[in-house]
Amino acid sequence: MNFKKGQLVKHRDNPNWKAVVLRDLNPRKPVNSCVVVEHNGSERVMGKSVLRPDLLAEMEKEFNR
């Protein structure tokens, strides 16, 4: 899955862990690549296969505009 800058994501195993995507390190590889995320004020490199989009937060942001 391609992640966009500013997209909210969750960890697949722990849905309480949330982060914001800062940049996609390799946008041509949708699964076997990494993204840089910001979680609790620190930047981390995470694999795309470990993350999933936080659709509920995206919908709330869309409707509260």
PDB file of N, CA and C in Angstrom:
ATOM      1  N   MET A   1       0.837  -1.171   0.000  1.00  0.00           N
ATOM      2  CA  MET A   1       0.000   0.000   0.000  1.00  0.00           C
ATOM      3  C   MET A   1       0.883   1.235   0.000  1.00  0.00           C
ATOM      4  N   ASN A   2       0.542   2.185  -0.829  1.00  0.00           N
ATOM      5  CA  ASN A   2       1.291   3.432  -0.872  1.00  0.00           C
ATOM      6  C   ASN A   2       0.776   4.359   0.218  1.00  0.00           C
ATOM      7  N   PHE A   3       1.686   4.896   0.992  1.00  0.00           N
ATOM      8  CA  PHE A   3       1.337   5.808   2.069  1.00  0.00           C
ATOM      9  C   PHE A   3       1.668   7.227   1.642  1.00  0.00           C
ATOM     10  N   LYS A   4       0.778   8.163   1.952  1.00  0.00           N
ATOM     11  CA  LYS A   4       0.967   9.561   1.600  1.00  0.00           C
ATOM     12  C   LYS A   4       1.486  10.332   2.803  1.00  0.00           C
ATOM     13  N   LYS A   5       2.137  11.439   2.541  1.00  0.00           N
ATOM     14  CA  LYS A   5       2.646  12.286   3.612  1.00  0.00           C
ATOM     15  C   LYS A   5       1.474  12.824   4.430  1.00  0.00           C
ATOM     16  N   GLY A   6       1.568  12.714   5.745  1.00  0.00           N
ATOM     17  CA  GLY A   6       0.525  13.194   6.637  1.00  0.00           C
ATOM     18  C   GLY A   6      -0.555  12.174   6.946  1.00  0.00           C
ATOM     19  N   GLN A   7      -0.474  10.993   6.374  1.00  0.00           N
ATOM     20  CA  GLN A   7      -1.483   9.963   6.595  1.00  0.00           C
ATOM     21  C   GLN A   7      -1.312   9.347   7.981  1.00  0.00           C
ATOM     22  N   LEU A   8      -2.414   9.124   8.669  1.00  0.00           N
ATOM     23  CA  LEU A   8      -2.397   8.484   9.976  1.00  0.00           C
ATOM     24  C   LEU A   8      -2.368   6.976   9.795  1.00  0.00           C
ATOM     25  N   VAL A   9      -1.500   6.300  10.553  1.00  0.00           N
ATOM     26  CA  VAL A   9      -1.365   4.854  10.444  1.00  0.00           C
ATOM     27  C   VAL A   9      -1.383   4.222  11.828  1.00  0.00           C
ATOM     28  N   LYS A  10      -1.718   2.927  11.849  1.00  0.00           N
ATOM     29  CA  LYS A  10      -1.708   2.117  13.062  1.00  0.00           C
ATOM     30  C   LYS A  10      -0.785   0.927  12.840  1.00  0.00           C
ATOM     31  N   HIS A  11      -0.336   0.345  13.933  1.00  0.00           N
ATOM     32  CA  HIS A  11       0.444  -0.886  13.866  1.00  0.00           C
ATOM     33  C   HIS A  11      -0.532  -2.047  13.691  1.00  0.00           C
ATOM     34  N   ARG A  12      -0.200  -3.024  12.889  1.00  0.00           N
ATOM     35  CA  ARG A  12      -1.117  -4.143  12.637  1.00  0.00           C
ATOM     36  C   ARG A  12      -1.406  -4.969  13.896  1.00  0.00           C
ATOM     37  N   ASP A  13      -0.410  -5.159  14.748  1.00  0.00           N
ATOM     38  CA  ASP A  13      -0.592  -5.986  15.939  1.00  0.00           C
ATOM     39  C   ASP A  13      -1.092  -5.201  17.139  1.00  0.00           C
ATOM     40  N   ASN A  14      -0.831  -3.899  17.199  1.00  0.00           N
ATOM     41  CA  ASN A  14      -1.227  -3.077  18.336  1.00  0.00           C
ATOM     42  C   ASN A  14      -1.978  -1.854  17.815  1.00  0.00           C
ATOM     43  N   PRO A  15      -3.312  -1.896  17.774  1.00  0.00           N
ATOM     44  CA  PRO A  15      -4.072  -0.774  17.219  1.00  0.00           C
ATOM     45  C   PRO A  15      -4.005   0.494  18.076  1.00  0.00           C
ATOM     46  N   ASN A  16      -3.522   0.410  19.305  1.00  0.00           N
ATOM     47  CA  ASN A  16      -3.374   1.606  20.127  1.00  0.00           C
ATOM     48  C   ASN A  16      -2.153   2.425  19.723  1.00  0.00           C
ATOM     49  N   TRP A  17      -1.203   1.827  19.003  1.00  0.00           N
ATOM     50  CA  TRP A  17      -0.014   2.525  18.526  1.00  0.00           C
ATOM     51  C   TRP A  17      -0.389   3.273  17.260  1.00  0.00           C
ATOM     52  N   LYS A  18      -0.219   4.592  17.266  1.00  0.00           N
ATOM     53  CA  LYS A  18      -0.568   5.412  16.108  1.00  0.00           C
ATOM     54  C   LYS A  18       0.594   6.316  15.754  1.00  0.00           C
ATOM     55  N   ALA A  19       0.695   6.656  14.481  1.00  0.00           N
ATOM     56  CA  ALA A  19       1.767   7.526  14.008  1.00  0.00           C
ATOM     57  C   ALA A  19       1.293   8.270  12.763  1.00  0.00           C
ATOM     58  N   VAL A  20       2.116   9.226  12.342  1.00  0.00           N
ATOM     59  CA  VAL A  20       1.857  10.010  11.138  1.00  0.00           C
ATOM     60  C   VAL A  20       3.007   9.764  10.168  1.00  0.00           C
ATOM     61  N   VAL A  21       2.682   9.497   8.914  1.00  0.00           N
ATOM     62  CA  VAL A  21       3.700   9.246   7.898  1.00  0.00           C
ATOM     63  C   VAL A  21       4.362  10.568   7.514  1.00  0.00           C
ATOM     64  N   LEU A  22       5.692  10.603   7.565  1.00  0.00           N
ATOM     65  CA  LEU A  22       6.445  11.781   7.145  1.00  0.00           C
ATOM     66  C   LEU A  22       6.899  11.663   5.700  1.00  0.00           C
ATOM     67  N   ARG A  23       7.390  10.473   5.309  1.00  0.00           N
ATOM     68  CA  ARG A  23       7.771  10.269   3.907  1.00  0.00           C
ATOM     69  C   ARG A  23       7.895   8.772   3.618  1.00  0.00           C
ATOM     70  N   ASP A  24       7.686   8.468   2.361  1.00  0.00           N
ATOM     71  CA  ASP A  24       7.799   7.107   1.858  1.00  0.00           C
ATOM     72  C   ASP A  24       9.202   6.955   1.282  1.00  0.00           C
ATOM     73  N   LEU A  25       9.991   6.035   1.806  1.00  0.00           N
ATOM     74  CA  LEU A  25      11.369   5.891   1.368  1.00  0.00           C
ATOM     75  C   LEU A  25      11.490   5.286  -0.026  1.00  0.00           C
ATOM     76  N   ASN A  26      10.528   4.473  -0.424  1.00  0.00           N
ATOM     77  CA  ASN A  26      10.545   3.891  -1.767  1.00  0.00           C
ATOM     78  C   ASN A  26       9.106   3.749  -2.251  1.00  0.00           C
ATOM     79  N   PRO A  27       8.545   4.786  -2.881  1.00  0.00           N
ATOM     80  CA  PRO A  27       7.129   4.742  -3.277  1.00  0.00           C
ATOM     81  C   PRO A  27       6.807   3.732  -4.370  1.00  0.00           C
ATOM     82  N   ARG A  28       7.815   3.236  -5.075  1.00  0.00           N
ATOM     83  CA  ARG A  28       7.558   2.261  -6.138  1.00  0.00           C
ATOM     84  C   ARG A  28       7.325   0.856  -5.599  1.00  0.00           C
ATOM     85  N   LYS A  29       7.704   0.605  -4.351  1.00  0.00           N
ATOM     86  CA  LYS A  29       7.476  -0.700  -3.739  1.00  0.00           C
ATOM     87  C   LYS A  29       6.354  -0.565  -2.712  1.00  0.00           C
ATOM     88  N   PRO A  30       5.174  -1.087  -3.014  1.00  0.00           N
ATOM     89  CA  PRO A  30       4.040  -0.883  -2.119  1.00  0.00           C
ATOM     90  C   PRO A  30       4.076  -1.716  -0.832  1.00  0.00           C
ATOM     91  N   VAL A  31       4.825  -2.815  -0.778  1.00  0.00           N
ATOM     92  CA  VAL A  31       4.791  -3.663   0.414  1.00  0.00           C
ATOM     93  C   VAL A  31       6.158  -3.805   1.061  1.00  0.00           C
ATOM     94  N   ASN A  32       7.153  -4.224   0.326  1.00  0.00           N
ATOM     95  CA  ASN A  32       8.456  -4.554   0.897  1.00  0.00           C
ATOM     96  C   ASN A  32       9.384  -3.347   0.934  1.00  0.00           C
ATOM     97  N   SER A  33       8.948  -2.307   1.597  1.00  0.00           N
ATOM     98  CA  SER A  33       9.743  -1.104   1.705  1.00  0.00           C
ATOM     99  C   SER A  33       9.493  -0.472   3.065  1.00  0.00           C
ATOM    100  N   CYS A  34      10.001   0.734   3.262  1.00  0.00           N
ATOM    101  CA  CYS A  34       9.878   1.397   4.557  1.00  0.00           C
ATOM    102  C   CYS A  34       9.334   2.811   4.396  1.00  0.00           C
ATOM    103  N   VAL A  35       8.754   3.311   5.479  1.00  0.00           N
ATOM    104  CA  VAL A  35       8.310   4.693   5.568  1.00  0.00           C
ATOM    105  C   VAL A  35       8.876   5.291   6.847  1.00  0.00           C
ATOM    106  N   VAL A  36       9.024   6.605   6.854  1.00  0.00           N
ATOM    107  CA  VAL A  36       9.439   7.314   8.055  1.00  0.00           C
ATOM    108  C   VAL A  36       8.178   7.837   8.717  1.00  0.00           C
ATOM    109  N   VAL A  37       7.970   7.473   9.983  1.00  0.00           N
ATOM    110  CA  VAL A  37       6.788   7.902  10.718  1.00  0.00           C
ATOM    111  C   VAL A  37       7.209   8.690  11.955  1.00  0.00           C
ATOM    112  N   GLU A  38       6.296   9.540  12.423  1.00  0.00           N
ATOM    113  CA  GLU A  38       6.519  10.274  13.666  1.00  0.00           C
ATOM    114  C   GLU A  38       5.569   9.713  14.710  1.00  0.00           C
ATOM    115  N   HIS A  39       6.137   9.248  15.811  1.00  0.00           N
ATOM    116  CA  HIS A  39       5.365   8.667  16.912  1.00  0.00           C
ATOM    117  C   HIS A  39       5.892   9.258  18.216  1.00  0.00           C
ATOM    118  N   ASN A  40       5.027   9.942  18.952  1.00  0.00           N
ATOM    119  CA  ASN A  40       5.385  10.584  20.224  1.00  0.00           C
ATOM    120  C   ASN A  40       6.577  11.520  20.081  1.00  0.00           C
ATOM    121  N   GLY A  41       6.629  12.270  19.001  1.00  0.00           N
ATOM    122  CA  GLY A  41       7.667  13.265  18.805  1.00  0.00           C
ATOM    123  C   GLY A  41       8.988  12.753  18.263  1.00  0.00           C
ATOM    124  N   SER A  42       9.113  11.464  18.016  1.00  0.00           N
ATOM    125  CA  SER A  42      10.360  10.942  17.469  1.00  0.00           C
ATOM    126  C   SER A  42      10.095  10.291  16.117  1.00  0.00           C
ATOM    127  N   GLU A  43      11.093  10.368  15.245  1.00  0.00           N
ATOM    128  CA  GLU A  43      10.979   9.774  13.916  1.00  0.00           C
ATOM    129  C   GLU A  43      11.521   8.354  13.939  1.00  0.00           C
ATOM    130  N   ARG A  44      10.805   7.454  13.278  1.00  0.00           N
ATOM    131  CA  ARG A  44      11.206   6.052  13.207  1.00  0.00           C
ATOM    132  C   ARG A  44      11.013   5.548  11.782  1.00  0.00           C
ATOM    133  N   VAL A  45      11.826   4.596  11.405  1.00  0.00           N
ATOM    134  CA  VAL A  45      11.668   3.931  10.109  1.00  0.00           C
ATOM    135  C   VAL A  45      10.924   2.623  10.372  1.00  0.00           C
ATOM    136  N   MET A  46       9.795   2.460   9.685  1.00  0.00           N
ATOM    137  CA  MET A  46       8.952   1.275   9.889  1.00  0.00           C
ATOM    138  C   MET A  46       8.702   0.614   8.539  1.00  0.00           C
ATOM    139  N   GLY A  47       8.560  -0.686   8.557  1.00  0.00           N
ATOM    140  CA  GLY A  47       8.213  -1.424   7.348  1.00  0.00           C
ATOM    141  C   GLY A  47       6.753  -1.227   6.992  1.00  0.00           C
ATOM    142  N   LYS A  48       6.473  -1.158   5.704  1.00  0.00           N
ATOM    143  CA  LYS A  48       5.087  -0.959   5.264  1.00  0.00           C
ATOM    144  C   LYS A  48       4.200  -2.147   5.604  1.00  0.00           C
ATOM    145  N   SER A  49       4.767  -3.332   5.664  1.00  0.00           N
ATOM    146  CA  SER A  49       3.954  -4.517   5.933  1.00  0.00           C
ATOM    147  C   SER A  49       3.473  -4.551   7.383  1.00  0.00           C
ATOM    148  N   VAL A  50       4.063  -3.750   8.262  1.00  0.00           N
ATOM    149  CA  VAL A  50       3.687  -3.720   9.673  1.00  0.00           C
ATOM    150  C   VAL A  50       2.604  -2.684   9.931  1.00  0.00           C
ATOM    151  N   LEU A  51       2.392  -1.766   8.998  1.00  0.00           N
ATOM    152  CA  LEU A  51       1.462  -0.657   9.187  1.00  0.00           C
ATOM    153  C   LEU A  51       0.190  -0.842   8.381  1.00  0.00           C
ATOM    154  N   ARG A  52      -0.852  -0.180   8.861  1.00  0.00           N
ATOM    155  CA  ARG A  52      -2.096  -0.105   8.104  1.00  0.00           C
ATOM    156  C   ARG A  52      -2.692   1.281   8.318  1.00  0.00           C
ATOM    157  N   PRO A  53      -3.450   1.787   7.364  1.00  0.00           N
ATOM    158  CA  PRO A  53      -4.020   3.129   7.510  1.00  0.00           C
ATOM    159  C   PRO A  53      -5.067   3.164   8.613  1.00  0.00           C
ATOM    160  N   ASP A  54      -5.138   4.288   9.304  1.00  0.00           N
ATOM    161  CA  ASP A  54      -6.144   4.498  10.341  1.00  0.00           C
ATOM    162  C   ASP A  54      -7.356   5.143   9.669  1.00  0.00           C
ATOM    163  N   LEU A  55      -8.238   4.325   9.154  1.00  0.00           N
ATOM    164  CA  LEU A  55      -9.363   4.808   8.355  1.00  0.00           C
ATOM    165  C   LEU A  55     -10.355   5.605   9.182  1.00  0.00           C
ATOM    166  N   LEU A  56     -10.573   5.237  10.428  1.00  0.00           N
ATOM    167  CA  LEU A  56     -11.513   5.961  11.275  1.00  0.00           C
ATOM    168  C   LEU A  56     -11.042   7.395  11.510  1.00  0.00           C
ATOM    169  N   ALA A  57      -9.769   7.577  11.791  1.00  0.00           N
ATOM    170  CA  ALA A  57      -9.228   8.921  11.999  1.00  0.00           C
ATOM    171  C   ALA A  57      -9.283   9.728  10.708  1.00  0.00           C
ATOM    172  N   GLU A  58      -9.044   9.092   9.578  1.00  0.00           N
ATOM    173  CA  GLU A  58      -9.119   9.791   8.296  1.00  0.00           C
ATOM    174  C   GLU A  58     -10.549  10.260   8.019  1.00  0.00           C
ATOM    175  N   MET A  59     -11.545   9.418   8.320  1.00  0.00           N
ATOM    176  CA  MET A  59     -12.939   9.802   8.108  1.00  0.00           C
ATOM    177  C   MET A  59     -13.338  10.940   9.041  1.00  0.00           C
ATOM    178  N   GLU A  60     -12.912  10.892  10.296  1.00  0.00           N
ATOM    179  CA  GLU A  60     -13.231  11.966  11.235  1.00  0.00           C
ATOM    180  C   GLU A  60     -12.617  13.281  10.781  1.00  0.00           C
ATOM    181  N   LYS A  61     -11.392  13.228  10.282  1.00  0.00           N
ATOM    182  CA  LYS A  61     -10.726  14.434   9.794  1.00  0.00           C
ATOM    183  C   LYS A  61     -11.463  14.974   8.578  1.00  0.00           C
ATOM    184  N   GLU A  62     -11.939  14.101   7.709  1.00  0.00           N
ATOM    185  CA  GLU A  62     -12.650  14.505   6.504  1.00  0.00           C
ATOM    186  C   GLU A  62     -13.974  15.202   6.824  1.00  0.00           C
ATOM    187  N   PHE A  63     -14.733  14.657   7.781  1.00  0.00           N
ATOM    188  CA  PHE A  63     -16.060  15.199   8.071  1.00  0.00           C
ATOM    189  C   PHE A  63     -16.028  16.388   9.024  1.00  0.00           C
ATOM    190  N   ASN A  64     -14.938  16.593   9.731  1.00  0.00           N
ATOM    191  CA  ASN A  64     -14.861  17.726  10.655  1.00  0.00           C
ATOM    192  C   ASN A  64     -14.267  18.968  10.013  1.00  0.00           C
ATOM    193  N   ARG A  65     -14.099  18.977   8.719  1.00  0.00           N
ATOM    194  CA  ARG A  65     -13.559  20.157   8.037  1.00  0.00           C
ATOM    195  C   ARG A  65     -14.560  21.263   7.993  1.00  0.00           C
TER     196      ARG A  65
END
